[in-house]
N, C-alpha and C. Protein backbone atom coordinates (compact mmCIF):
# COMPACT_ATOMS: atom_id res chain seq x y z
N MET A 1 0.85 -1.18 0.00
CA MET A 1 0.00 0.00 0.00
C MET A 1 0.89 1.24 0.00
N ASN A 2 0.49 2.23 -0.74
CA ASN A 2 1.22 3.49 -0.82
C ASN A 2 1.25 4.15 0.57
N ILE A 3 2.40 4.70 0.94
CA ILE A 3 2.56 5.28 2.27
C ILE A 3 1.61 6.46 2.48
N ARG A 4 1.33 7.23 1.43
CA ARG A 4 0.42 8.38 1.55
C ARG A 4 -0.99 7.92 1.93
N ILE A 5 -1.46 6.88 1.28
CA ILE A 5 -2.80 6.37 1.57
C ILE A 5 -2.87 5.84 3.00
N TYR A 6 -1.83 5.14 3.41
CA TYR A 6 -1.79 4.60 4.76
C TYR A 6 -1.82 5.72 5.80
N LEU A 7 -1.00 6.77 5.59
CA LEU A 7 -0.99 7.91 6.51
C LEU A 7 -2.34 8.63 6.51
N PHE A 8 -2.92 8.76 5.34
CA PHE A 8 -4.21 9.44 5.19
C PHE A 8 -5.29 8.75 6.03
N PHE A 9 -5.41 7.44 5.90
CA PHE A 9 -6.45 6.71 6.63
C PHE A 9 -6.16 6.61 8.13
N THR A 10 -4.90 6.49 8.51
CA THR A 10 -4.59 6.46 9.94
C THR A 10 -4.87 7.83 10.57
N ASP A 11 -4.63 8.90 9.83
CA ASP A 11 -4.91 10.24 10.35
C ASP A 11 -6.41 10.47 10.51
N ILE A 12 -7.21 9.95 9.59
CA ILE A 12 -8.67 10.05 9.72
C ILE A 12 -9.11 9.38 11.02
N LEU A 13 -8.59 8.20 11.26
CA LEU A 13 -8.92 7.48 12.49
C LEU A 13 -8.45 8.24 13.73
N LEU A 14 -7.20 8.71 13.70
CA LEU A 14 -6.64 9.41 14.87
C LEU A 14 -7.36 10.72 15.17
N LEU A 15 -7.80 11.43 14.13
CA LEU A 15 -8.54 12.68 14.36
C LEU A 15 -9.79 12.42 15.18
N ASN A 16 -10.52 11.38 14.84
CA ASN A 16 -11.75 11.08 15.56
C ASN A 16 -11.49 10.47 16.93
N VAL A 17 -10.43 9.69 17.05
CA VAL A 17 -10.04 9.16 18.36
C VAL A 17 -9.70 10.31 19.30
N ALA A 18 -9.01 11.32 18.78
CA ALA A 18 -8.65 12.48 19.61
C ALA A 18 -9.88 13.25 20.07
N PHE A 19 -10.88 13.37 19.21
CA PHE A 19 -12.11 14.04 19.63
C PHE A 19 -12.79 13.27 20.75
N ILE A 20 -12.88 11.96 20.59
CA ILE A 20 -13.54 11.15 21.63
C ILE A 20 -12.75 11.20 22.93
N LEU A 21 -11.42 11.13 22.84
CA LEU A 21 -10.58 11.26 24.05
C LEU A 21 -10.79 12.63 24.70
N SER A 22 -10.96 13.65 23.89
CA SER A 22 -11.19 15.00 24.42
C SER A 22 -12.51 15.06 25.20
N PHE A 23 -13.53 14.43 24.67
CA PHE A 23 -14.81 14.38 25.39
C PHE A 23 -14.65 13.62 26.71
N LEU A 24 -13.90 12.52 26.68
CA LEU A 24 -13.69 11.74 27.91
C LEU A 24 -12.89 12.52 28.94
N ILE A 25 -11.89 13.25 28.50
CA ILE A 25 -11.09 14.07 29.43
C ILE A 25 -11.96 15.19 30.01
N ARG A 26 -12.75 15.81 29.16
CA ARG A 26 -13.58 16.95 29.59
C ARG A 26 -14.73 16.54 30.51
N TYR A 27 -15.42 15.42 30.16
CA TYR A 27 -16.63 15.06 30.90
C TYR A 27 -16.54 13.75 31.69
N GLY A 28 -15.51 12.97 31.46
CA GLY A 28 -15.45 11.65 32.07
C GLY A 28 -16.32 10.69 31.28
N TRP A 29 -16.71 9.59 31.90
CA TRP A 29 -17.51 8.59 31.19
C TRP A 29 -18.96 9.03 30.98
N ALA A 30 -19.42 10.01 31.73
CA ALA A 30 -20.81 10.47 31.61
C ALA A 30 -20.86 11.70 30.70
N ILE A 31 -20.68 11.49 29.40
CA ILE A 31 -20.69 12.60 28.44
C ILE A 31 -22.14 13.02 28.21
N PRO A 32 -22.46 14.30 28.45
CA PRO A 32 -23.83 14.76 28.22
C PRO A 32 -24.21 14.66 26.74
N LYS A 33 -25.42 14.21 26.49
CA LYS A 33 -25.88 14.04 25.12
C LYS A 33 -25.89 15.36 24.36
N TYR A 34 -26.26 16.44 25.03
CA TYR A 34 -26.31 17.75 24.38
C TYR A 34 -24.93 18.24 23.94
N SER A 35 -23.87 17.75 24.59
CA SER A 35 -22.51 18.13 24.19
C SER A 35 -21.97 17.22 23.09
N PHE A 36 -22.30 15.93 23.15
CA PHE A 36 -21.77 14.97 22.19
C PHE A 36 -22.56 14.96 20.88
N SER A 37 -23.81 15.34 20.93
CA SER A 37 -24.66 15.34 19.75
C SER A 37 -24.12 16.20 18.60
N PRO A 38 -23.62 17.42 18.87
CA PRO A 38 -23.06 18.20 17.76
C PRO A 38 -21.87 17.51 17.08
N TYR A 39 -21.09 16.77 17.86
CA TYR A 39 -19.97 16.04 17.25
C TYR A 39 -20.49 14.92 16.35
N LYS A 40 -21.49 14.18 16.84
CA LYS A 40 -22.06 13.09 16.04
C LYS A 40 -22.65 13.61 14.73
N ASN A 41 -23.22 14.80 14.77
CA ASN A 41 -23.83 15.38 13.57
C ASN A 41 -22.80 15.96 12.60
N SER A 42 -21.62 16.28 13.08
CA SER A 42 -20.67 17.00 12.22
C SER A 42 -19.31 16.33 12.07
N PHE A 43 -19.11 15.13 12.61
CA PHE A 43 -17.76 14.55 12.59
C PHE A 43 -17.24 14.31 11.17
N VAL A 44 -18.11 14.01 10.22
CA VAL A 44 -17.65 13.81 8.84
C VAL A 44 -17.09 15.11 8.28
N PHE A 45 -17.81 16.19 8.48
CA PHE A 45 -17.36 17.49 7.98
C PHE A 45 -16.10 17.96 8.70
N LEU A 46 -16.05 17.75 10.00
CA LEU A 46 -14.86 18.13 10.76
C LEU A 46 -13.63 17.35 10.29
N THR A 47 -13.82 16.06 10.06
CA THR A 47 -12.71 15.24 9.57
C THR A 47 -12.23 15.72 8.21
N LEU A 48 -13.17 16.04 7.33
CA LEU A 48 -12.79 16.55 6.00
C LEU A 48 -12.03 17.87 6.10
N ILE A 49 -12.45 18.74 7.01
CA ILE A 49 -11.76 20.02 7.19
C ILE A 49 -10.32 19.78 7.65
N TYR A 50 -10.15 18.91 8.63
CA TYR A 50 -8.80 18.62 9.14
C TYR A 50 -7.93 17.96 8.07
N ILE A 51 -8.48 17.01 7.34
CA ILE A 51 -7.71 16.33 6.29
C ILE A 51 -7.32 17.32 5.19
N PHE A 52 -8.24 18.20 4.84
CA PHE A 52 -7.93 19.25 3.86
C PHE A 52 -6.78 20.12 4.36
N ALA A 53 -6.86 20.53 5.62
CA ALA A 53 -5.82 21.40 6.19
C ALA A 53 -4.47 20.69 6.24
N LEU A 54 -4.46 19.43 6.65
CA LEU A 54 -3.21 18.67 6.68
C LEU A 54 -2.65 18.49 5.27
N SER A 55 -3.52 18.25 4.31
CA SER A 55 -3.08 18.11 2.91
C SER A 55 -2.54 19.43 2.38
N PHE A 56 -3.20 20.53 2.75
CA PHE A 56 -2.77 21.86 2.30
C PHE A 56 -1.33 22.15 2.76
N PHE A 57 -1.00 21.71 3.97
CA PHE A 57 0.35 21.93 4.50
C PHE A 57 1.30 20.77 4.18
N LYS A 58 0.92 19.94 3.24
CA LYS A 58 1.76 18.87 2.67
C LYS A 58 2.28 17.88 3.70
N VAL A 59 1.39 17.45 4.58
CA VAL A 59 1.74 16.42 5.56
C VAL A 59 1.87 15.06 4.88
N TYR A 60 1.23 14.90 3.72
CA TYR A 60 1.22 13.59 3.06
C TYR A 60 2.26 13.48 1.96
N LYS A 61 3.36 14.20 2.10
CA LYS A 61 4.50 14.01 1.20
C LYS A 61 5.12 12.65 1.50
N THR A 62 5.90 12.15 0.58
CA THR A 62 6.53 10.84 0.81
C THR A 62 7.90 10.95 1.48
N ARG A 63 8.51 12.12 1.45
CA ARG A 63 9.84 12.27 2.07
C ARG A 63 9.91 13.59 2.84
N PHE A 64 10.59 13.54 3.97
CA PHE A 64 10.81 14.73 4.80
C PHE A 64 12.29 14.83 5.13
N ARG A 65 12.79 16.04 5.23
CA ARG A 65 14.20 16.23 5.58
C ARG A 65 14.48 15.87 7.03
N SER A 66 13.48 16.10 7.89
CA SER A 66 13.70 15.82 9.32
C SER A 66 12.35 15.67 10.02
N SER A 67 12.40 15.17 11.23
CA SER A 67 11.18 15.07 12.04
C SER A 67 10.64 16.46 12.36
N TRP A 68 11.53 17.43 12.50
CA TRP A 68 11.11 18.79 12.79
C TRP A 68 10.25 19.36 11.65
N GLU A 69 10.63 19.08 10.41
CA GLU A 69 9.84 19.53 9.26
C GLU A 69 8.44 18.90 9.31
N LEU A 70 8.38 17.61 9.61
CA LEU A 70 7.10 16.92 9.74
C LEU A 70 6.27 17.54 10.86
N PHE A 71 6.89 17.80 12.01
CA PHE A 71 6.18 18.39 13.15
C PHE A 71 5.60 19.76 12.78
N LYS A 72 6.38 20.61 12.12
CA LYS A 72 5.91 21.94 11.75
C LYS A 72 4.70 21.85 10.82
N ARG A 73 4.76 20.95 9.85
CA ARG A 73 3.65 20.81 8.91
C ARG A 73 2.38 20.31 9.61
N ILE A 74 2.54 19.34 10.50
CA ILE A 74 1.38 18.82 11.24
C ILE A 74 0.81 19.89 12.16
N PHE A 75 1.68 20.63 12.86
CA PHE A 75 1.23 21.70 13.75
C PHE A 75 0.42 22.74 12.97
N LEU A 76 0.96 23.20 11.83
CA LEU A 76 0.26 24.21 11.04
C LEU A 76 -1.05 23.67 10.48
N GLY A 77 -1.03 22.43 10.02
CA GLY A 77 -2.25 21.83 9.49
C GLY A 77 -3.33 21.70 10.54
N LEU A 78 -2.95 21.24 11.73
CA LEU A 78 -3.92 21.10 12.81
C LEU A 78 -4.42 22.46 13.31
N PHE A 79 -3.52 23.44 13.37
CA PHE A 79 -3.93 24.77 13.80
C PHE A 79 -4.94 25.37 12.83
N PHE A 80 -4.62 25.27 11.54
CA PHE A 80 -5.52 25.77 10.50
C PHE A 80 -6.84 24.99 10.51
N GLY A 81 -6.76 23.67 10.64
CA GLY A 81 -7.95 22.83 10.68
C GLY A 81 -8.83 23.14 11.88
N THR A 82 -8.20 23.35 13.04
CA THR A 82 -8.96 23.69 14.24
C THR A 82 -9.65 25.04 14.09
N SER A 83 -8.95 26.01 13.53
CA SER A 83 -9.55 27.33 13.31
C SER A 83 -10.74 27.25 12.37
N LEU A 84 -10.59 26.54 11.27
CA LEU A 84 -11.70 26.38 10.33
C LEU A 84 -12.85 25.60 10.94
N SER A 85 -12.54 24.59 11.73
CA SER A 85 -13.58 23.77 12.37
C SER A 85 -14.39 24.58 13.38
N ILE A 86 -13.71 25.40 14.15
CA ILE A 86 -14.42 26.25 15.11
C ILE A 86 -15.37 27.19 14.37
N ALA A 87 -14.88 27.77 13.27
CA ALA A 87 -15.74 28.65 12.47
C ALA A 87 -16.92 27.87 11.87
N PHE A 88 -16.64 26.66 11.42
CA PHE A 88 -17.67 25.82 10.82
C PHE A 88 -18.78 25.48 11.81
N VAL A 89 -18.42 25.01 12.99
CA VAL A 89 -19.46 24.65 13.97
C VAL A 89 -20.17 25.89 14.51
N TYR A 90 -19.50 27.03 14.51
CA TYR A 90 -20.16 28.26 14.94
C TYR A 90 -21.26 28.65 13.95
N VAL A 91 -20.97 28.53 12.66
CA VAL A 91 -21.95 28.88 11.63
C VAL A 91 -23.16 27.95 11.69
N PHE A 92 -22.93 26.66 11.96
CA PHE A 92 -24.01 25.68 11.97
C PHE A 92 -24.52 25.35 13.38
N ARG A 93 -24.28 26.22 14.33
CA ARG A 93 -24.66 25.94 15.72
C ARG A 93 -26.17 25.84 15.91
N VAL A 94 -26.94 26.55 15.11
CA VAL A 94 -28.39 26.50 15.23
C VAL A 94 -28.91 25.14 14.76
N LYS A 95 -28.31 24.61 13.70
CA LYS A 95 -28.76 23.34 13.14
C LYS A 95 -28.30 22.15 13.99
N TRP A 96 -27.04 22.16 14.45
CA TRP A 96 -26.47 20.98 15.13
C TRP A 96 -26.35 21.12 16.64
N GLY A 97 -26.44 22.29 17.14
CA GLY A 97 -26.27 22.51 18.57
C GLY A 97 -24.91 23.13 18.86
N VAL A 98 -24.74 23.54 20.09
CA VAL A 98 -23.51 24.22 20.50
C VAL A 98 -22.43 23.19 20.79
N PHE A 99 -21.31 23.32 20.09
CA PHE A 99 -20.17 22.43 20.23
C PHE A 99 -19.23 23.03 21.28
N PRO A 100 -18.84 22.28 22.30
CA PRO A 100 -17.94 22.83 23.33
C PRO A 100 -16.57 23.19 22.76
N THR A 101 -16.17 24.44 22.92
CA THR A 101 -14.89 24.90 22.40
C THR A 101 -13.72 24.22 23.10
N SER A 102 -13.89 23.84 24.34
CA SER A 102 -12.81 23.16 25.08
C SER A 102 -12.42 21.84 24.40
N ILE A 103 -13.35 21.22 23.71
CA ILE A 103 -13.07 19.97 23.00
C ILE A 103 -12.07 20.23 21.88
N PHE A 104 -12.24 21.35 21.18
CA PHE A 104 -11.29 21.70 20.12
C PHE A 104 -9.89 21.94 20.69
N PHE A 105 -9.84 22.63 21.81
CA PHE A 105 -8.55 22.90 22.44
C PHE A 105 -7.86 21.59 22.85
N LEU A 106 -8.59 20.72 23.52
CA LEU A 106 -8.01 19.44 23.94
C LEU A 106 -7.64 18.56 22.74
N SER A 107 -8.52 18.50 21.75
CA SER A 107 -8.25 17.62 20.61
C SER A 107 -7.06 18.11 19.80
N PHE A 108 -6.82 19.42 19.78
CA PHE A 108 -5.65 19.94 19.06
C PHE A 108 -4.37 19.33 19.62
N TRP A 109 -4.22 19.36 20.94
CA TRP A 109 -2.99 18.85 21.56
C TRP A 109 -2.90 17.32 21.48
N ILE A 110 -4.03 16.66 21.63
CA ILE A 110 -4.04 15.19 21.51
C ILE A 110 -3.71 14.79 20.08
N ASN A 111 -4.33 15.47 19.11
CA ASN A 111 -4.03 15.20 17.70
C ASN A 111 -2.57 15.46 17.37
N LEU A 112 -2.04 16.55 17.88
CA LEU A 112 -0.64 16.86 17.61
C LEU A 112 0.26 15.73 18.09
N LEU A 113 0.01 15.26 19.27
CA LEU A 113 0.82 14.16 19.82
C LEU A 113 0.61 12.87 19.03
N LEU A 114 -0.64 12.46 18.85
CA LEU A 114 -0.93 11.19 18.19
C LEU A 114 -0.49 11.17 16.73
N ILE A 115 -0.90 12.18 15.99
CA ILE A 115 -0.61 12.19 14.55
C ILE A 115 0.88 12.34 14.30
N PHE A 116 1.54 13.23 15.05
CA PHE A 116 2.98 13.40 14.84
C PHE A 116 3.74 12.12 15.16
N LYS A 117 3.48 11.54 16.33
CA LYS A 117 4.25 10.36 16.73
C LYS A 117 4.00 9.18 15.79
N LEU A 118 2.75 8.94 15.40
CA LEU A 118 2.47 7.81 14.52
C LEU A 118 3.02 8.06 13.11
N ASN A 119 2.81 9.26 12.57
CA ASN A 119 3.38 9.57 11.25
C ASN A 119 4.90 9.50 11.27
N GLN A 120 5.50 10.01 12.33
CA GLN A 120 6.96 9.96 12.45
C GLN A 120 7.44 8.50 12.48
N TYR A 121 6.76 7.68 13.24
CA TYR A 121 7.14 6.27 13.34
C TYR A 121 7.02 5.57 11.98
N ILE A 122 5.89 5.77 11.31
CA ILE A 122 5.67 5.13 10.01
C ILE A 122 6.70 5.61 8.99
N LEU A 123 6.95 6.91 8.95
CA LEU A 123 7.90 7.46 7.98
C LEU A 123 9.33 7.01 8.27
N LYS A 124 9.68 6.88 9.55
CA LYS A 124 11.02 6.39 9.88
C LYS A 124 11.18 4.92 9.53
N VAL A 125 10.14 4.12 9.76
CA VAL A 125 10.20 2.71 9.39
C VAL A 125 10.36 2.56 7.87
N LYS A 126 9.66 3.40 7.12
CA LYS A 126 9.76 3.37 5.66
C LYS A 126 10.98 4.14 5.15
N LYS A 127 11.78 4.65 6.07
CA LYS A 127 12.98 5.43 5.76
C LYS A 127 12.67 6.63 4.86
N SER A 128 11.59 7.32 5.20
CA SER A 128 11.18 8.50 4.45
C SER A 128 11.56 9.80 5.14
N ILE A 129 12.14 9.70 6.32
CA ILE A 129 12.68 10.89 6.99
C ILE A 129 14.19 10.70 6.99
N LYS A 130 14.82 11.46 6.15
CA LYS A 130 16.27 11.34 6.03
C LYS A 130 16.90 12.72 5.96
N LYS A 131 17.98 12.86 6.64
CA LYS A 131 18.74 14.09 6.58
C LYS A 131 20.12 13.70 6.08
N LYS A 132 20.51 14.27 4.95
CA LYS A 132 21.80 13.94 4.39
C LYS A 132 22.85 14.89 4.95
N VAL A 133 23.89 14.29 5.52
CA VAL A 133 24.97 15.05 6.11
C VAL A 133 26.28 14.42 5.66
N ILE A 134 27.23 15.25 5.34
CA ILE A 134 28.56 14.74 4.97
C ILE A 134 29.51 15.08 6.11
N VAL A 135 30.19 14.06 6.61
CA VAL A 135 31.19 14.25 7.65
C VAL A 135 32.53 13.88 7.04
N ILE A 136 33.45 14.82 7.04
CA ILE A 136 34.77 14.58 6.46
C ILE A 136 35.79 14.52 7.58
N GLY A 137 36.58 13.48 7.58
CA GLY A 137 37.62 13.35 8.60
C GLY A 137 38.07 11.91 8.74
N LYS A 138 39.13 11.71 9.54
CA LYS A 138 39.68 10.38 9.72
C LYS A 138 39.20 9.69 10.98
N ASP A 139 38.69 10.45 11.92
CA ASP A 139 38.30 9.88 13.20
C ASP A 139 37.02 9.05 13.09
N ASP A 140 36.72 8.36 14.17
CA ASP A 140 35.53 7.52 14.23
C ASP A 140 34.27 8.39 14.22
N ILE A 141 33.34 8.10 13.35
CA ILE A 141 32.12 8.88 13.21
C ILE A 141 31.13 8.65 14.35
N ASN A 142 31.25 7.54 15.07
CA ASN A 142 30.32 7.22 16.15
C ASN A 142 30.35 8.28 17.26
N GLY A 143 31.47 8.92 17.46
CA GLY A 143 31.56 9.97 18.46
C GLY A 143 30.77 11.20 18.08
N ILE A 144 30.54 11.38 16.80
CA ILE A 144 29.82 12.56 16.32
C ILE A 144 28.31 12.32 16.27
N VAL A 145 27.90 11.21 15.66
CA VAL A 145 26.47 10.97 15.45
C VAL A 145 25.90 9.89 16.34
N GLY A 146 26.71 9.15 17.04
CA GLY A 146 26.21 8.09 17.91
C GLY A 146 26.10 6.77 17.17
N LYS A 147 26.16 5.70 17.92
CA LYS A 147 26.13 4.37 17.31
C LYS A 147 24.74 3.98 16.84
N LYS A 148 23.70 4.48 17.48
CA LYS A 148 22.34 4.08 17.13
C LYS A 148 21.74 4.92 16.01
N ALA A 149 22.44 5.94 15.55
CA ALA A 149 21.89 6.80 14.50
C ALA A 149 21.77 6.03 13.19
N ASP A 150 20.73 6.35 12.44
CA ASP A 150 20.51 5.72 11.14
C ASP A 150 21.41 6.43 10.13
N VAL A 151 22.63 5.96 10.04
CA VAL A 151 23.64 6.61 9.23
C VAL A 151 24.17 5.62 8.20
N GLU A 152 24.23 6.07 6.98
CA GLU A 152 24.86 5.28 5.92
C GLU A 152 26.31 5.70 5.86
N ARG A 153 27.20 4.78 6.15
CA ARG A 153 28.62 5.09 6.19
C ARG A 153 29.25 4.75 4.85
N VAL A 154 29.88 5.75 4.25
CA VAL A 154 30.56 5.56 2.97
C VAL A 154 31.99 6.01 3.15
N LYS A 155 32.93 5.12 2.87
CA LYS A 155 34.34 5.48 3.00
C LYS A 155 34.88 5.99 1.68
N SER A 156 35.67 6.99 1.79
CA SER A 156 36.28 7.57 0.60
C SER A 156 37.46 6.72 0.16
N LYS A 157 37.74 6.75 -1.11
CA LYS A 157 38.86 5.97 -1.65
C LYS A 157 40.13 6.79 -1.72
N LEU A 158 40.14 7.96 -1.14
CA LEU A 158 41.32 8.83 -1.17
C LEU A 158 42.34 8.43 -0.19
C-alpha cells in the first residue's frame, strides 16, 4: 500500500479518536448528550476540514528532511484545521447545537501528539525521513552521530 494512503487513513482514524478522548477528558464517562450530539452530527465534515488542512500543508509528502519539518507541517495543518472547524461549527450551531470549544482545544494537543508520533514512526520505518549530512575526517564517526543513528557510512577511496 502506498505510504500516503496509509498515513491518510490512519490520520482520519486518529482525528476522531482524539475528539472522543477530548470528550472523555472533559466530561469523564458520563458525556452529556447535548454536548456529544453536535460532534455526532458533524464529525464527517470536521474530519474533512482537518484532512484538507493537513493536505494543504503537505503532511502527506513521501519524504521529509527531518522530524522537525514533519512536526511543523502537522502543527500548522492542525492549527488551521482547528480554526476552520471552530468557524464551521459556529456557523451551523443552530442546526447541530452548541459544540464545546474546550473539545477543540483538547483535541488539538491530543491530535498533535498522536498524529505526529504515529506519522513519524511510520515514515522512519519506511525510511522516508532522512537528513543527508557529509562528515569529512579520519576519526571515528560514532563519536559525532552516535552508534544508534541511522547513518549510511561511505568510506572515501582517497
